[in-house]
């Protein structure tokens, strides 16, 4: 399922508007991809810098949550878009890779925010290629800037990075509560892998929707190993 949430309501336009777009959970095997867009009046960028926004990865969960509340006060609009694991799998089956899907969702957010200038944290090394793809998808005109590590360069992208991470953290907390899956949800996280294996050993399978990305190699390998264990057990009865 793809879900869009508008966090902040539109404020009356008072001068040029800029927006930043970033994501959280791109490479995760568990949970959704969360993409957030934050728009502010150009004159308010200084306010974002004043409250100390920066790349969400450099902040603790409590710092991110505190800053998110301050960002909501400053922002003209905030749009948060969540793409669930099953939807990511569906796109994969259709031949839509992660880069193209992310470009599509980022364009949806930018069109909603309707800013004069839009800054995007590019997910691939070839930012010019990603920018060209986005420009073909955008419905409304905006000056588009796509750069790697834009979340460390532009305060408005840092703000989007924080909003995306806070929302994904909430989603992961719910998955932990419901399924017992711990950690960040990334294949590199030992806690995540351990709890996934424990869940699989206990339940024999993962839920059909809402938890893991079946199109990820990590899930395929884990399910394959589980199938082999069951077959080995059957043959040794």
C-alpha atoms as a PDB file:
ATOM      1  CA  UNK A   1       0.000   0.000   0.000  1.00  0.00           C
ATOM      2  CA  UNK A   2       1.124   3.517  -0.764  1.00  0.00           C
ATOM      3  CA  UNK A   3       0.029   6.045   1.799  1.00  0.00           C
ATOM      4  CA  UNK A   4       0.352   9.833   1.659  1.00  0.00           C
ATOM      5  CA  UNK A   5       0.057  11.984   4.758  1.00  0.00           C
ATOM      6  CA  UNK A   6       0.036  15.785   4.794  1.00  0.00           C
ATOM      7  CA  UNK A   7       1.410  16.750   8.195  1.00  0.00           C
ATOM      8  CA  UNK A   8       1.330  20.534   8.008  1.00  0.00           C
ATOM      9  CA  UNK A   9      -1.458  22.514   6.427  1.00  0.00           C
ATOM     10  CA  UNK A  10      -0.829  25.046   3.678  1.00  0.00           C
ATOM     11  CA  UNK A  11       0.068  28.547   4.767  1.00  0.00           C
ATOM     12  CA  UNK A  12      -0.680  31.609   2.636  1.00  0.00           C
ATOM     13  CA  UNK A  13       2.137  32.158   0.145  1.00  0.00           C
ATOM     14  CA  UNK A  14       4.522  34.898   1.241  1.00  0.00           C
ATOM     15  CA  UNK A  15       7.350  34.944  -1.264  1.00  0.00           C
ATOM     16  CA  UNK A  16       9.332  32.177  -3.016  1.00  0.00           C
ATOM     17  CA  UNK A  17       8.928  28.638  -1.714  1.00  0.00           C
ATOM     18  CA  UNK A  18      11.606  25.920  -1.694  1.00  0.00           C
ATOM     19  CA  UNK A  19      11.236  22.275  -0.821  1.00  0.00           C
ATOM     20  CA  UNK A  20      13.479  19.376   0.074  1.00  0.00           C
ATOM     21  CA  UNK A  21      12.850  15.665  -0.457  1.00  0.00           C
ATOM     22  CA  UNK A  22      14.574  12.684   1.139  1.00  0.00           C
ATOM     23  CA  UNK A  23      13.852   9.079   2.127  1.00  0.00           C
ATOM     24  CA  UNK A  24      14.364   6.544   4.876  1.00  0.00           C
ATOM     25  CA  UNK A  25      14.334   2.767   4.518  1.00  0.00           C
ATOM     26  CA  UNK A  26      15.430   2.480   0.907  1.00  0.00           C
ATOM     27  CA  UNK A  27      17.613  -0.595   1.372  1.00  0.00           C
ATOM     28  CA  UNK A  28      15.730  -2.160   4.266  1.00  0.00           C
ATOM     29  CA  UNK A  29      14.405  -5.716   4.069  1.00  0.00           C
ATOM     30  CA  UNK A  30      11.764  -5.019   6.742  1.00  0.00           C
ATOM     31  CA  UNK A  31       9.203  -2.222   6.737  1.00  0.00           C
ATOM     32  CA  UNK A  32       8.237   0.562   4.361  1.00  0.00           C
ATOM     33  CA  UNK A  33      10.180   3.020   2.301  1.00  0.00           C
ATOM     34  CA  UNK A  34       9.275   6.447   3.669  1.00  0.00           C
ATOM     35  CA  UNK A  35       9.775   9.546   1.531  1.00  0.00           C
ATOM     36  CA  UNK A  36       9.170  13.003   2.974  1.00  0.00           C
ATOM     37  CA  UNK A  37       8.983  16.444   1.449  1.00  0.00           C
ATOM     38  CA  UNK A  38       9.221  19.689   3.386  1.00  0.00           C
ATOM     39  CA  UNK A  39       8.488  23.093   1.876  1.00  0.00           C
ATOM     40  CA  UNK A  40       9.329  26.417   3.479  1.00  0.00           C
ATOM     41  CA  UNK A  41       9.305  30.020   2.426  1.00  0.00           C
ATOM     42  CA  UNK A  42      12.789  30.851   1.217  1.00  0.00           C
ATOM     43  CA  UNK A  43      13.150  33.441   3.957  1.00  0.00           C
ATOM     44  CA  UNK A  44      12.551  30.743   6.593  1.00  0.00           C
ATOM     45  CA  UNK A  45      15.523  28.536   5.650  1.00  0.00           C
ATOM     46  CA  UNK A  46      17.544  30.431   8.270  1.00  0.00           C
ATOM     47  CA  UNK A  47      15.045  29.257  10.908  1.00  0.00           C
ATOM     48  CA  UNK A  48      15.731  25.623   9.994  1.00  0.00           C
ATOM     49  CA  UNK A  49      19.455  26.211  10.366  1.00  0.00           C
ATOM     50  CA  UNK A  50      18.893  27.959  13.689  1.00  0.00           C
ATOM     51  CA  UNK A  51      17.098  24.986  15.248  1.00  0.00           C
ATOM     52  CA  UNK A  52      19.988  22.732  14.177  1.00  0.00           C
ATOM     53  CA  UNK A  53      18.581  20.541  11.415  1.00  0.00           C
ATOM     54  CA  UNK A  54      21.112  18.230   9.787  1.00  0.00           C
ATOM     55  CA  UNK A  55      21.298  14.784   8.224  1.00  0.00           C
ATOM     56  CA  UNK A  56      19.004  12.541  10.292  1.00  0.00           C
ATOM     57  CA  UNK A  57      21.705   9.859  10.523  1.00  0.00           C
ATOM     58  CA  UNK A  58      23.757  12.240  12.675  1.00  0.00           C
ATOM     59  CA  UNK A  59      20.938  12.604  15.217  1.00  0.00           C
ATOM     60  CA  UNK A  60      19.599  10.389  17.989  1.00  0.00           C
ATOM     61  CA  UNK A  61      15.919   9.304  17.888  1.00  0.00           C
ATOM     62  CA  UNK A  62      15.021  11.778  20.643  1.00  0.00           C
ATOM     63  CA  UNK A  63      16.803  14.617  18.821  1.00  0.00           C
ATOM     64  CA  UNK A  64      14.945  13.776  15.603  1.00  0.00           C
ATOM     65  CA  UNK A  65      11.571  13.712  17.340  1.00  0.00           C
ATOM     66  CA  UNK A  66      12.233  17.055  19.005  1.00  0.00           C
ATOM     67  CA  UNK A  67      13.367  18.646  15.734  1.00  0.00           C
ATOM     68  CA  UNK A  68      10.389  17.199  13.844  1.00  0.00           C
ATOM     69  CA  UNK A  69       8.029  19.188  16.073  1.00  0.00           C
ATOM     70  CA  UNK A  70      10.024  22.355  15.441  1.00  0.00           C
ATOM     71  CA  UNK A  71      10.089  21.702  11.687  1.00  0.00           C
ATOM     72  CA  UNK A  72       6.284  21.428  11.661  1.00  0.00           C
ATOM     73  CA  UNK A  73       6.088  24.949  13.134  1.00  0.00           C
ATOM     74  CA  UNK A  74       8.379  26.403  10.451  1.00  0.00           C
ATOM     75  CA  UNK A  75       7.254  24.472   7.367  1.00  0.00           C
ATOM     76  CA  UNK A  76       4.725  25.714   4.863  1.00  0.00           C
ATOM     77  CA  UNK A  77       3.792  22.123   4.008  1.00  0.00           C
ATOM     78  CA  UNK A  78       5.008  18.643   4.879  1.00  0.00           C
ATOM     79  CA  UNK A  79       4.108  15.562   2.847  1.00  0.00           C
ATOM     80  CA  UNK A  80       5.044  12.058   4.002  1.00  0.00           C
ATOM     81  CA  UNK A  81       4.613   9.147   1.603  1.00  0.00           C
ATOM     82  CA  UNK A  82       4.958   5.523   2.710  1.00  0.00           C
ATOM     83  CA  UNK A  83       5.450   2.628   0.292  1.00  0.00           C
ATOM     84  CA  UNK A  84       4.827  -0.703   1.987  1.00  0.00           C
ATOM     85  CA  UNK A  85       6.899  -3.870   1.422  1.00  0.00           C
ATOM     86  CA  UNK A  86       4.196  -5.535  -0.694  1.00  0.00           C
ATOM     87  CA  UNK A  87       3.928  -2.472  -2.951  1.00  0.00           C
ATOM     88  CA  UNK A  88       7.691  -2.462  -3.452  1.00  0.00           C
ATOM     89  CA  UNK A  89       7.459  -6.148  -4.397  1.00  0.00           C
ATOM     90  CA  UNK A  90       4.646  -5.353  -6.849  1.00  0.00           C
ATOM     91  CA  UNK A  91       6.738  -2.698  -8.560  1.00  0.00           C
ATOM     92  CA  UNK A  92       9.629  -5.155  -8.750  1.00  0.00           C
ATOM     93  CA  UNK A  93       7.407  -7.723 -10.475  1.00  0.00           C
ATOM     94  CA  UNK A  94       6.377  -5.045 -12.994  1.00  0.00           C
ATOM     95  CA  UNK A  95      10.021  -4.343 -13.815  1.00  0.00           C
ATOM     96  CA  UNK A  96      10.061  -1.001 -11.996  1.00  0.00           C
ATOM     97  CA  UNK A  97      13.345  -0.847 -10.109  1.00  0.00           C
ATOM     98  CA  UNK A  98      13.891   0.993  -6.846  1.00  0.00           C
ATOM     99  CA  UNK A  99      15.418   4.087  -8.476  1.00  0.00           C
ATOM    100  CA  UNK A 100      12.508   4.579 -10.863  1.00  0.00           C
ATOM    101  CA  UNK A 101       9.945   3.938  -8.166  1.00  0.00           C
ATOM    102  CA  UNK A 102      11.640   6.450  -5.895  1.00  0.00           C
ATOM    103  CA  UNK A 103      11.699   9.025  -8.692  1.00  0.00           C
ATOM    104  CA  UNK A 104       7.952   8.508  -9.218  1.00  0.00           C
ATOM    105  CA  UNK A 105       7.136   8.985  -5.540  1.00  0.00           C
ATOM    106  CA  UNK A 106       9.430  11.988  -5.157  1.00  0.00           C
ATOM    107  CA  UNK A 107       7.720  13.636  -8.127  1.00  0.00           C
ATOM    108  CA  UNK A 108       4.322  13.033  -6.522  1.00  0.00           C
ATOM    109  CA  UNK A 109       5.544  14.831  -3.410  1.00  0.00           C
ATOM    110  CA  UNK A 110       7.103  17.723  -5.334  1.00  0.00           C
ATOM    111  CA  UNK A 111       3.910  18.205  -7.351  1.00  0.00           C
ATOM    112  CA  UNK A 112       1.956  18.351  -4.078  1.00  0.00           C
ATOM    113  CA  UNK A 113       4.311  20.926  -2.570  1.00  0.00           C
ATOM    114  CA  UNK A 114       4.334  23.178  -5.660  1.00  0.00           C
ATOM    115  CA  UNK A 115       7.597  24.948  -4.758  1.00  0.00           C
ATOM    116  CA  UNK A 116       9.598  27.337  -6.909  1.00  0.00           C
ATOM    117  CA  UNK A 117      12.760  25.315  -6.303  1.00  0.00           C
ATOM    118  CA  UNK A 118      13.053  21.668  -5.243  1.00  0.00           C
ATOM    119  CA  UNK A 119      16.120  20.000  -3.728  1.00  0.00           C
ATOM    120  CA  UNK A 120      16.381  16.217  -3.848  1.00  0.00           C
ATOM    121  CA  UNK A 121      18.845  13.851  -2.196  1.00  0.00           C
ATOM    122  CA  UNK A 122      19.802  11.709  -5.191  1.00  0.00           C
ATOM    123  CA  UNK A 123      19.690   7.946  -4.511  1.00  0.00           C
ATOM    124  CA  UNK A 124      22.143   7.031  -7.272  1.00  0.00           C
ATOM    125  CA  UNK A 125      25.638   8.207  -8.208  1.00  0.00           C
ATOM    126  CA  UNK A 126      24.523   9.525 -11.604  1.00  0.00           C
ATOM    127  CA  UNK A 127      22.433  12.427 -10.317  1.00  0.00           C
ATOM    128  CA  UNK A 128      22.028  13.991 -13.775  1.00  0.00           C
ATOM    129  CA  UNK A 129      20.391  10.810 -15.061  1.00  0.00           C
ATOM    130  CA  UNK A 130      18.061  10.680 -12.050  1.00  0.00           C
ATOM    131  CA  UNK A 131      17.226  14.358 -12.558  1.00  0.00           C
ATOM    132  CA  UNK A 132      16.298  13.775 -16.223  1.00  0.00           C
ATOM    133  CA  UNK A 133      14.006  10.915 -15.222  1.00  0.00           C
ATOM    134  CA  UNK A 134      12.292  13.119 -12.640  1.00  0.00           C
ATOM    135  CA  UNK A 135      11.890  16.050 -15.015  1.00  0.00           C
ATOM    136  CA  UNK A 136       9.925  13.834 -17.407  1.00  0.00           C
ATOM    137  CA  UNK A 137       7.591  12.780 -14.597  1.00  0.00           C
ATOM    138  CA  UNK A 138       6.896  16.143 -12.954  1.00  0.00           C
ATOM    139  CA  UNK A 139       3.506  17.654 -13.778  1.00  0.00           C
ATOM    140  CA  UNK A 140       4.266  21.189 -12.615  1.00  0.00           C
ATOM    141  CA  UNK A 141       7.241  23.444 -13.185  1.00  0.00           C
ATOM    142  CA  UNK A 142       9.953  23.715 -10.542  1.00  0.00           C
ATOM    143  CA  UNK A 143      13.687  24.373 -10.606  1.00  0.00           C
ATOM    144  CA  UNK A 144      15.044  20.933  -9.767  1.00  0.00           C
ATOM    145  CA  UNK A 145      18.332  20.322  -7.970  1.00  0.00           C
ATOM    146  CA  UNK A 146      19.428  16.696  -7.476  1.00  0.00           C
ATOM    147  CA  UNK A 147      22.630  16.003  -5.557  1.00  0.00           C
ATOM    148  CA  UNK A 148      24.198  13.190  -3.583  1.00  0.00           C
ATOM    149  CA  UNK A 149      24.327  13.959   0.147  1.00  0.00           C
ATOM    150  CA  UNK A 150      21.916  16.863  -0.276  1.00  0.00           C
ATOM    151  CA  UNK A 151      20.687  16.055   3.240  1.00  0.00           C
ATOM    152  CA  UNK A 152      24.042  17.306   4.518  1.00  0.00           C
ATOM    153  CA  UNK A 153      24.166  20.329   2.203  1.00  0.00           C
ATOM    154  CA  UNK A 154      20.701  21.891   2.246  1.00  0.00           C
ATOM    155  CA  UNK A 155      18.757  22.568   5.437  1.00  0.00           C
ATOM    156  CA  UNK A 156      15.408  21.947   3.769  1.00  0.00           C
ATOM    157  CA  UNK A 157      16.552  18.459   2.681  1.00  0.00           C
ATOM    158  CA  UNK A 158      17.882  17.821   6.178  1.00  0.00           C
ATOM    159  CA  UNK A 159      14.404  18.662   7.449  1.00  0.00           C
ATOM    160  CA  UNK A 160      12.864  16.169   5.017  1.00  0.00           C
ATOM    161  CA  UNK A 161      15.430  13.569   6.088  1.00  0.00           C
ATOM    162  CA  UNK A 162      14.377  14.004   9.714  1.00  0.00           C
ATOM    163  CA  UNK A 163      10.660  13.776   8.957  1.00  0.00           C
ATOM    164  CA  UNK A 164      11.154  10.607   6.904  1.00  0.00           C
ATOM    165  CA  UNK A 165      13.280   8.940   9.587  1.00  0.00           C
ATOM    166  CA  UNK A 166      10.871   9.815  12.408  1.00  0.00           C
ATOM    167  CA  UNK A 167       7.961   8.317  10.481  1.00  0.00           C
ATOM    168  CA  UNK A 168       9.905   5.168   9.605  1.00  0.00           C
ATOM    169  CA  UNK A 169      10.994   4.765  13.230  1.00  0.00           C
ATOM    170  CA  UNK A 170       7.314   4.818  14.213  1.00  0.00           C
ATOM    171  CA  UNK A 171       6.518   2.179  11.612  1.00  0.00           C
ATOM    172  CA  UNK A 172       9.385  -0.022  12.816  1.00  0.00           C
ATOM    173  CA  UNK A 173       8.244   0.328  16.432  1.00  0.00           C
ATOM    174  CA  UNK A 174       4.812  -0.974  15.385  1.00  0.00           C
ATOM    175  CA  UNK A 175       6.372  -3.927  13.552  1.00  0.00           C
ATOM    176  CA  UNK A 176       8.478  -4.738  16.613  1.00  0.00           C
ATOM    177  CA  UNK A 177       5.389  -4.634  18.805  1.00  0.00           C
ATOM    178  CA  UNK A 178       3.345  -6.771  16.418  1.00  0.00           C
ATOM    179  CA  UNK A 179       5.892  -9.266  15.107  1.00  0.00           C
ATOM    180  CA  UNK A 180       8.895  -9.016  17.400  1.00  0.00           C
ATOM    181  CA  UNK A 181      11.223  -7.933  14.592  1.00  0.00           C
ATOM    182  CA  UNK A 182      13.962  -5.821  16.151  1.00  0.00           C
ATOM    183  CA  UNK A 183      16.584  -3.386  14.914  1.00  0.00           C
ATOM    184  CA  UNK A 184      16.579  -1.015  11.971  1.00  0.00           C
ATOM    185  CA  UNK A 185      15.160  -3.435   9.418  1.00  0.00           C
ATOM    186  CA  UNK A 186      18.326  -3.413   7.283  1.00  0.00           C
ATOM    187  CA  UNK A 187      20.110  -6.608   6.154  1.00  0.00           C
ATOM    188  CA  UNK A 188      23.308  -5.326   7.769  1.00  0.00           C
ATOM    189  CA  UNK A 189      21.637  -5.178  11.199  1.00  0.00           C
ATOM    190  CA  UNK A 190      22.363  -8.402  13.113  1.00  0.00           C
ATOM    191  CA  UNK A 191      19.382  -7.834  15.439  1.00  0.00           C
ATOM    192  CA  UNK A 192      17.036  -7.621  12.465  1.00  0.00           C
ATOM    193  CA  UNK A 193      18.382 -10.794  10.842  1.00  0.00           C
ATOM    194  CA  UNK A 194      18.347 -12.708  14.135  1.00  0.00           C
ATOM    195  CA  UNK A 195      14.742 -11.745  14.914  1.00  0.00           C
ATOM    196  CA  UNK A 196      13.631 -12.522  11.345  1.00  0.00           C
ATOM    197  CA  UNK A 197      15.117 -16.011  11.628  1.00  0.00           C
ATOM    198  CA  UNK A 198      13.470 -16.506  15.014  1.00  0.00           C
ATOM    199  CA  UNK A 199      10.107 -15.406  13.611  1.00  0.00           C
ATOM    200  CA  UNK A 200      10.489 -17.790  10.679  1.00  0.00           C
ATOM    201  CA  UNK A 201      11.468 -20.698  12.912  1.00  0.00           C
ATOM    202  CA  UNK A 202       8.408 -20.142  15.075  1.00  0.00           C
ATOM    203  CA  UNK A 203       5.815 -19.314  12.389  1.00  0.00           C
ATOM    204  CA  UNK A 204       7.243 -21.224   9.386  1.00  0.00           C
ATOM    205  CA  UNK A 205       6.548 -18.245   7.098  1.00  0.00           C
ATOM    206  CA  UNK A 206       6.389 -14.454   7.038  1.00  0.00           C
ATOM    207  CA  UNK A 207       3.084 -12.551   6.790  1.00  0.00           C
ATOM    208  CA  UNK A 208       1.959 -12.098   3.183  1.00  0.00           C
ATOM    209  CA  UNK A 209       1.910  -8.310   3.497  1.00  0.00           C
ATOM    210  CA  UNK A 210       3.286  -5.524   5.634  1.00  0.00           C
ATOM    211  CA  UNK A 211       6.473  -6.939   7.095  1.00  0.00           C
ATOM    212  CA  UNK A 212       9.222  -8.102   4.715  1.00  0.00           C
ATOM    213  CA  UNK A 213      10.155  -7.360   1.136  1.00  0.00           C
ATOM    214  CA  UNK A 214       9.905 -10.724  -0.581  1.00  0.00           C
ATOM    215  CA  UNK A 215      11.812  -9.453  -3.629  1.00  0.00           C
ATOM    216  CA  UNK A 216      14.929  -8.810  -1.499  1.00  0.00           C
ATOM    217  CA  UNK A 217      17.728 -11.388  -1.683  1.00  0.00           C
ATOM    218  CA  UNK A 218      17.877 -11.517   2.121  1.00  0.00           C
ATOM    219  CA  UNK A 219      14.282 -12.760   2.333  1.00  0.00           C
ATOM    220  CA  UNK A 220      14.688 -15.186  -0.568  1.00  0.00           C
ATOM    221  CA  UNK A 221      17.794 -16.696   0.995  1.00  0.00           C
ATOM    222  CA  UNK A 222      16.170 -16.995   4.410  1.00  0.00           C
ATOM    223  CA  UNK A 223      13.059 -18.667   2.991  1.00  0.00           C
ATOM    224  CA  UNK A 224      15.249 -20.979   0.901  1.00  0.00           C
ATOM    225  CA  UNK A 225      17.237 -22.044   3.955  1.00  0.00           C
ATOM    226  CA  UNK A 226      14.019 -22.650   5.884  1.00  0.00           C
ATOM    227  CA  UNK A 227      12.657 -24.787   3.033  1.00  0.00           C
ATOM    228  CA  UNK A 228      15.850 -26.850   2.985  1.00  0.00           C
ATOM    229  CA  UNK A 229      15.636 -27.403   6.747  1.00  0.00           C
ATOM    230  CA  UNK A 230      12.060 -28.659   6.430  1.00  0.00           C
ATOM    231  CA  UNK A 231      13.018 -30.967   3.558  1.00  0.00           C
ATOM    232  CA  UNK A 232      16.037 -32.276   5.473  1.00  0.00           C
ATOM    233  CA  UNK A 233      13.828 -32.920   8.493  1.00  0.00           C
ATOM    234  CA  UNK A 234      11.288 -34.799   6.354  1.00  0.00           C
ATOM    235  CA  UNK A 235      13.942 -37.007   4.754  1.00  0.00           C
ATOM    236  CA  UNK A 236      15.411 -37.914   8.126  1.00  0.00           C
ATOM    237  CA  UNK A 237      12.184 -39.077   9.744  1.00  0.00           C
END
